[in-house]
């Protein structure tokens, strides 16, 4: 088996650069989305709105949950 020593030296650098580009894309996507509410809070809004809908209460909470 022939081992390309240049490839063995270069591969870790290329892989590191690829991972850094990927993490930068994720970071920029998170910045573009802006601050968000925690998932638990959104889920709680949906559950309260569903309970209100089942009980036939005001539809304001339902609309608020749908806006999120």
PDB file of N, CA and C in Angstrom:
ATOM      1  N   UNK A   1       0.844  -1.184   0.000  1.00  0.00           N
ATOM      2  CA  UNK A   1       0.000   0.000   0.000  1.00  0.00           C
ATOM      3  C   UNK A   1       0.887   1.245   0.000  1.00  0.00           C
ATOM      4  N   UNK A   2       0.613   2.111  -0.945  1.00  0.00           N
ATOM      5  CA  UNK A   2       1.382   3.338  -1.051  1.00  0.00           C
ATOM      6  C   UNK A   2       0.623   4.444  -0.312  1.00  0.00           C
ATOM      7  N   UNK A   3       1.338   5.128   0.566  1.00  0.00           N
ATOM      8  CA  UNK A   3       0.729   6.201   1.344  1.00  0.00           C
ATOM      9  C   UNK A   3       1.245   7.535   0.817  1.00  0.00           C
ATOM     10  N   UNK A   4       0.340   8.409   0.486  1.00  0.00           N
ATOM     11  CA  UNK A   4       0.713   9.734   0.021  1.00  0.00           C
ATOM     12  C   UNK A   4       0.921  10.612   1.246  1.00  0.00           C
ATOM     13  N   UNK A   5       2.160  10.894   1.563  1.00  0.00           N
ATOM     14  CA  UNK A   5       2.472  11.659   2.768  1.00  0.00           C
ATOM     15  C   UNK A   5       1.946  13.088   2.704  1.00  0.00           C
ATOM     16  N   UNK A   6       1.907  13.648   1.519  1.00  0.00           N
ATOM     17  CA  UNK A   6       1.350  14.996   1.367  1.00  0.00           C
ATOM     18  C   UNK A   6      -0.119  15.025   1.727  1.00  0.00           C
ATOM     19  N   UNK A   7      -0.831  13.981   1.339  1.00  0.00           N
ATOM     20  CA  UNK A   7      -2.265  13.886   1.664  1.00  0.00           C
ATOM     21  C   UNK A   7      -2.471  13.741   3.166  1.00  0.00           C
ATOM     22  N   UNK A   8      -1.621  12.944   3.810  1.00  0.00           N
ATOM     23  CA  UNK A   8      -1.737  12.764   5.255  1.00  0.00           C
ATOM     24  C   UNK A   8      -1.497  14.067   6.009  1.00  0.00           C
ATOM     25  N   UNK A   9      -0.665  14.923   5.467  1.00  0.00           N
ATOM     26  CA  UNK A   9      -0.420  16.221   6.096  1.00  0.00           C
ATOM     27  C   UNK A   9      -1.547  17.210   5.813  1.00  0.00           C
ATOM     28  N   UNK A  10      -2.073  17.158   4.602  1.00  0.00           N
ATOM     29  CA  UNK A  10      -3.046  18.160   4.180  1.00  0.00           C
ATOM     30  C   UNK A  10      -4.469  17.848   4.630  1.00  0.00           C
ATOM     31  N   UNK A  11      -4.836  16.579   4.727  1.00  0.00           N
ATOM     32  CA  UNK A  11      -6.217  16.205   5.037  1.00  0.00           C
ATOM     33  C   UNK A  11      -6.729  16.811   6.346  1.00  0.00           C
ATOM     34  N   UNK A  12      -5.986  16.739   7.454  1.00  0.00           N
ATOM     35  CA  UNK A  12      -6.509  17.362   8.689  1.00  0.00           C
ATOM     36  C   UNK A  12      -6.770  18.858   8.539  1.00  0.00           C
ATOM     37  N   UNK A  13      -5.927  19.548   7.796  1.00  0.00           N
ATOM     38  CA  UNK A  13      -6.135  20.984   7.585  1.00  0.00           C
ATOM     39  C   UNK A  13      -7.389  21.233   6.747  1.00  0.00           C
ATOM     40  N   UNK A  14      -7.578  20.441   5.708  1.00  0.00           N
ATOM     41  CA  UNK A  14      -8.765  20.606   4.866  1.00  0.00           C
ATOM     42  C   UNK A  14     -10.039  20.295   5.652  1.00  0.00           C
ATOM     43  N   UNK A  15      -9.998  19.244   6.432  1.00  0.00           N
ATOM     44  CA  UNK A  15     -11.171  18.860   7.221  1.00  0.00           C
ATOM     45  C   UNK A  15     -11.490  19.926   8.266  1.00  0.00           C
ATOM     46  N   UNK A  16     -10.471  20.453   8.912  1.00  0.00           N
ATOM     47  CA  UNK A  16     -10.666  21.515   9.906  1.00  0.00           C
ATOM     48  C   UNK A  16     -11.266  22.757   9.251  1.00  0.00           C
ATOM     49  N   UNK A  17     -10.768  23.120   8.081  1.00  0.00           N
ATOM     50  CA  UNK A  17     -11.304  24.291   7.381  1.00  0.00           C
ATOM     51  C   UNK A  17     -12.763  24.070   7.001  1.00  0.00           C
ATOM     52  N   UNK A  18     -13.115  22.858   6.566  1.00  0.00           N
ATOM     53  CA  UNK A  18     -14.503  22.552   6.212  1.00  0.00           C
ATOM     54  C   UNK A  18     -15.414  22.650   7.434  1.00  0.00           C
ATOM     55  N   UNK A  19     -14.958  22.120   8.561  1.00  0.00           N
ATOM     56  CA  UNK A  19     -15.755  22.196   9.788  1.00  0.00           C
ATOM     57  C   UNK A  19     -15.927  23.637  10.253  1.00  0.00           C
ATOM     58  N   UNK A  20     -14.899  24.447  10.101  1.00  0.00           N
ATOM     59  CA  UNK A  20     -14.994  25.854  10.488  1.00  0.00           C
ATOM     60  C   UNK A  20     -15.981  26.600   9.600  1.00  0.00           C
ATOM     61  N   UNK A  21     -15.977  26.329   8.289  1.00  0.00           N
ATOM     62  CA  UNK A  21     -16.946  26.961   7.387  1.00  0.00           C
ATOM     63  C   UNK A  21     -18.370  26.559   7.760  1.00  0.00           C
ATOM     64  N   UNK A  22     -18.553  25.286   8.054  1.00  0.00           N
ATOM     65  CA  UNK A  22     -19.882  24.803   8.421  1.00  0.00           C
ATOM     66  C   UNK A  22     -20.369  25.449   9.710  1.00  0.00           C
ATOM     67  N   UNK A  23     -19.501  25.539  10.703  1.00  0.00           N
ATOM     68  CA  UNK A  23     -19.916  26.152  11.968  1.00  0.00           C
ATOM     69  C   UNK A  23     -20.201  27.646  11.788  1.00  0.00           C
ATOM     70  N   UNK A  24     -19.477  28.306  10.910  1.00  0.00           N
ATOM     71  CA  UNK A  24     -19.733  29.724  10.644  1.00  0.00           C
ATOM     72  C   UNK A  24     -21.086  29.914   9.969  1.00  0.00           C
ATOM     73  N   UNK A  25     -21.433  29.010   9.045  1.00  0.00           N
ATOM     74  CA  UNK A  25     -22.746  29.085   8.411  1.00  0.00           C
ATOM     75  C   UNK A  25     -23.861  28.914   9.435  1.00  0.00           C
ATOM     76  N   UNK A  26     -23.692  27.974  10.348  1.00  0.00           N
ATOM     77  CA  UNK A  26     -24.700  27.747  11.392  1.00  0.00           C
ATOM     78  C   UNK A  26     -24.809  28.980  12.288  1.00  0.00           C
ATOM     79  N   UNK A  27     -23.671  29.564  12.642  1.00  0.00           N
ATOM     80  CA  UNK A  27     -23.678  30.756  13.499  1.00  0.00           C
ATOM     81  C   UNK A  27     -24.387  31.922  12.801  1.00  0.00           C
ATOM     82  N   UNK A  28     -24.119  32.107  11.513  1.00  0.00           N
ATOM     83  CA  UNK A  28     -24.769  33.192  10.780  1.00  0.00           C
ATOM     84  C   UNK A  28     -26.270  32.939  10.626  1.00  0.00           C
ATOM     85  N   UNK A  29     -26.652  31.699  10.443  1.00  0.00           N
ATOM     86  CA  UNK A  29     -28.080  31.378  10.352  1.00  0.00           C
ATOM     87  C   UNK A  29     -28.773  31.666  11.676  1.00  0.00           C
ATOM     88  N   UNK A  30     -28.134  31.349  12.795  1.00  0.00           N
ATOM     89  CA  UNK A  30     -28.713  31.657  14.098  1.00  0.00           C
ATOM     90  C   UNK A  30     -28.844  33.161  14.310  1.00  0.00           C
ATOM     91  N   UNK A  31     -27.854  33.913  13.868  1.00  0.00           N
ATOM     92  CA  UNK A  31     -27.932  35.371  13.996  1.00  0.00           C
ATOM     93  C   UNK A  31     -29.045  35.941  13.129  1.00  0.00           C
ATOM     94  N   UNK A  32     -29.235  35.382  11.952  1.00  0.00           N
ATOM     95  CA  UNK A  32     -30.263  35.886  11.039  1.00  0.00           C
ATOM     96  C   UNK A  32     -31.660  35.637  11.588  1.00  0.00           C
ATOM     97  N   UNK A  33     -31.846  34.529  12.299  1.00  0.00           N
ATOM     98  CA  UNK A  33     -33.162  34.230  12.861  1.00  0.00           C
ATOM     99  C   UNK A  33     -33.512  35.159  14.018  1.00  0.00           C
ATOM    100  N   UNK A  34     -32.504  35.686  14.671  1.00  0.00           N
ATOM    101  CA  UNK A  34     -32.742  36.593  15.782  1.00  0.00           C
ATOM    102  C   UNK A  34     -33.108  35.852  17.048  1.00  0.00           C
ATOM    103  N   UNK A  35     -33.384  36.613  18.100  1.00  0.00           N
ATOM    104  CA  UNK A  35     -33.723  35.968  19.371  1.00  0.00           C
ATOM    105  C   UNK A  35     -35.057  35.237  19.267  1.00  0.00           C
ATOM    106  N   UNK A  36     -35.102  34.062  19.822  1.00  0.00           N
ATOM    107  CA  UNK A  36     -36.322  33.259  19.785  1.00  0.00           C
ATOM    108  C   UNK A  36     -36.702  32.862  21.200  1.00  0.00           C
ATOM    109  N   UNK A  37     -37.965  32.555  21.344  1.00  0.00           N
ATOM    110  CA  UNK A  37     -38.435  32.068  22.627  1.00  0.00           C
ATOM    111  C   UNK A  37     -38.032  30.607  22.763  1.00  0.00           C
ATOM    112  N   UNK A  38     -37.836  30.154  23.984  1.00  0.00           N
ATOM    113  CA  UNK A  38     -37.507  28.746  24.186  1.00  0.00           C
ATOM    114  C   UNK A  38     -38.639  27.844  23.685  1.00  0.00           C
ATOM    115  N   UNK A  39     -38.273  26.662  23.246  1.00  0.00           N
ATOM    116  CA  UNK A  39     -39.242  25.720  22.709  1.00  0.00           C
ATOM    117  C   UNK A  39     -40.311  25.371  23.739  1.00  0.00           C
ATOM    118  N   UNK A  40     -39.906  25.226  25.002  1.00  0.00           N
ATOM    119  CA  UNK A  40     -40.877  24.884  26.052  1.00  0.00           C
ATOM    120  C   UNK A  40     -41.954  25.940  26.179  1.00  0.00           C
ATOM    121  N   UNK A  41     -41.574  27.203  26.035  1.00  0.00           N
ATOM    122  CA  UNK A  41     -42.541  28.287  26.137  1.00  0.00           C
ATOM    123  C   UNK A  41     -43.538  28.234  24.978  1.00  0.00           C
ATOM    124  N   UNK A  42     -43.036  28.002  23.779  1.00  0.00           N
ATOM    125  CA  UNK A  42     -43.928  27.895  22.623  1.00  0.00           C
ATOM    126  C   UNK A  42     -44.860  26.694  22.754  1.00  0.00           C
ATOM    127  N   UNK A  43     -44.323  25.580  23.232  1.00  0.00           N
ATOM    128  CA  UNK A  43     -45.138  24.386  23.422  1.00  0.00           C
ATOM    129  C   UNK A  43     -46.217  24.632  24.470  1.00  0.00           C
ATOM    130  N   UNK A  44     -45.866  25.334  25.537  1.00  0.00           N
ATOM    131  CA  UNK A  44     -46.850  25.642  26.574  1.00  0.00           C
ATOM    132  C   UNK A  44     -47.967  26.520  26.012  1.00  0.00           C
ATOM    133  N   UNK A  45     -47.623  27.506  25.174  1.00  0.00           N
ATOM    134  CA  UNK A  45     -48.651  28.339  24.541  1.00  0.00           C
ATOM    135  C   UNK A  45     -49.602  27.499  23.698  1.00  0.00           C
ATOM    136  N   UNK A  46     -49.043  26.570  22.927  1.00  0.00           N
ATOM    137  CA  UNK A  46     -49.874  25.702  22.099  1.00  0.00           C
ATOM    138  C   UNK A  46     -50.808  24.843  22.944  1.00  0.00           C
ATOM    139  N   UNK A  47     -50.288  24.307  24.052  1.00  0.00           N
ATOM    140  CA  UNK A  47     -51.110  23.452  24.909  1.00  0.00           C
ATOM    141  C   UNK A  47     -52.239  24.242  25.571  1.00  0.00           C
ATOM    142  N   UNK A  48     -51.943  25.445  26.035  1.00  0.00           N
ATOM    143  CA  UNK A  48     -52.975  26.287  26.651  1.00  0.00           C
ATOM    144  C   UNK A  48     -54.011  26.681  25.608  1.00  0.00           C
ATOM    145  N   UNK A  49     -53.555  27.012  24.406  1.00  0.00           N
ATOM    146  CA  UNK A  49     -54.495  27.383  23.342  1.00  0.00           C
ATOM    147  C   UNK A  49     -55.379  26.192  22.968  1.00  0.00           C
ATOM    148  N   UNK A  50     -54.791  24.995  22.929  1.00  0.00           N
ATOM    149  CA  UNK A  50     -55.581  23.802  22.615  1.00  0.00           C
ATOM    150  C   UNK A  50     -56.611  23.534  23.703  1.00  0.00           C
ATOM    151  N   UNK A  51     -56.222  23.715  24.966  1.00  0.00           N
ATOM    152  CA  UNK A  51     -57.163  23.522  26.064  1.00  0.00           C
ATOM    153  C   UNK A  51     -58.290  24.539  25.993  1.00  0.00           C
ATOM    154  N   UNK A  52     -57.952  25.793  25.678  1.00  0.00           N
ATOM    155  CA  UNK A  52     -58.993  26.820  25.530  1.00  0.00           C
ATOM    156  C   UNK A  52     -59.937  26.479  24.385  1.00  0.00           C
ATOM    157  N   UNK A  53     -59.383  25.989  23.290  1.00  0.00           N
ATOM    158  CA  UNK A  53     -60.207  25.645  22.134  1.00  0.00           C
ATOM    159  C   UNK A  53     -61.149  24.491  22.469  1.00  0.00           C
ATOM    160  N   UNK A  54     -60.639  23.500  23.200  1.00  0.00           N
ATOM    161  CA  UNK A  54     -61.468  22.357  23.589  1.00  0.00           C
ATOM    162  C   UNK A  54     -62.592  22.799  24.521  1.00  0.00           C
ATOM    163  N   UNK A  55     -62.278  23.716  25.429  1.00  0.00           N
ATOM    164  CA  UNK A  55     -63.285  24.201  26.387  1.00  0.00           C
ATOM    165  C   UNK A  55     -64.206  25.243  25.775  1.00  0.00           C
ATOM    166  N   UNK A  56     -63.871  25.736  24.607  1.00  0.00           N
ATOM    167  CA  UNK A  56     -64.710  26.737  23.943  1.00  0.00           C
ATOM    168  C   UNK A  56     -64.489  28.136  24.473  1.00  0.00           C
ATOM    169  N   UNK A  57     -63.322  28.413  25.016  1.00  0.00           N
ATOM    170  CA  UNK A  57     -63.021  29.738  25.569  1.00  0.00           C
ATOM    171  C   UNK A  57     -62.601  30.706  24.467  1.00  0.00           C
ATOM    172  N   UNK A  58     -62.113  31.846  24.891  1.00  0.00           N
ATOM    173  CA  UNK A  58     -61.705  32.918  23.996  1.00  0.00           C
ATOM    174  C   UNK A  58     -60.695  32.427  22.956  1.00  0.00           C
ATOM    175  N   UNK A  59     -60.776  32.981  21.764  1.00  0.00           N
ATOM    176  CA  UNK A  59     -59.869  32.564  20.695  1.00  0.00           C
ATOM    177  C   UNK A  59     -58.608  33.423  20.641  1.00  0.00           C
ATOM    178  N   UNK A  60     -58.457  34.379  21.559  1.00  0.00           N
ATOM    179  CA  UNK A  60     -57.268  35.232  21.540  1.00  0.00           C
ATOM    180  C   UNK A  60     -55.994  34.423  21.761  1.00  0.00           C
ATOM    181  N   UNK A  61     -56.024  33.483  22.680  1.00  0.00           N
ATOM    182  CA  UNK A  61     -54.832  32.676  22.928  1.00  0.00           C
ATOM    183  C   UNK A  61     -54.509  31.789  21.736  1.00  0.00           C
ATOM    184  N   UNK A  62     -55.527  31.321  21.068  1.00  0.00           N
ATOM    185  CA  UNK A  62     -55.300  30.479  19.905  1.00  0.00           C
ATOM    186  C   UNK A  62     -54.591  31.284  18.822  1.00  0.00           C
ATOM    187  N   UNK A  63     -55.046  32.505  18.591  1.00  0.00           N
ATOM    188  CA  UNK A  63     -54.408  33.349  17.587  1.00  0.00           C
ATOM    189  C   UNK A  63     -52.994  33.694  17.995  1.00  0.00           C
ATOM    190  N   UNK A  64     -52.768  33.953  19.280  1.00  0.00           N
ATOM    191  CA  UNK A  64     -51.436  34.275  19.775  1.00  0.00           C
ATOM    192  C   UNK A  64     -50.496  33.083  19.572  1.00  0.00           C
ATOM    193  N   UNK A  65     -50.988  31.875  19.845  1.00  0.00           N
ATOM    194  CA  UNK A  65     -50.150  30.681  19.674  1.00  0.00           C
ATOM    195  C   UNK A  65     -49.840  30.450  18.204  1.00  0.00           C
ATOM    196  N   UNK A  66     -50.769  30.758  17.313  1.00  0.00           N
ATOM    197  CA  UNK A  66     -50.549  30.559  15.889  1.00  0.00           C
ATOM    198  C   UNK A  66     -49.538  31.563  15.330  1.00  0.00           C
ATOM    199  N   UNK A  67     -49.461  32.740  15.927  1.00  0.00           N
ATOM    200  CA  UNK A  67     -48.525  33.768  15.464  1.00  0.00           C
ATOM    201  C   UNK A  67     -47.094  33.380  15.767  1.00  0.00           C
ATOM    202  N   UNK A  68     -46.864  32.621  16.785  1.00  0.00           N
ATOM    203  CA  UNK A  68     -45.503  32.255  17.190  1.00  0.00           C
ATOM    204  C   UNK A  68     -44.926  31.333  16.232  1.00  0.00           C
TER     205      UNK A  68
END
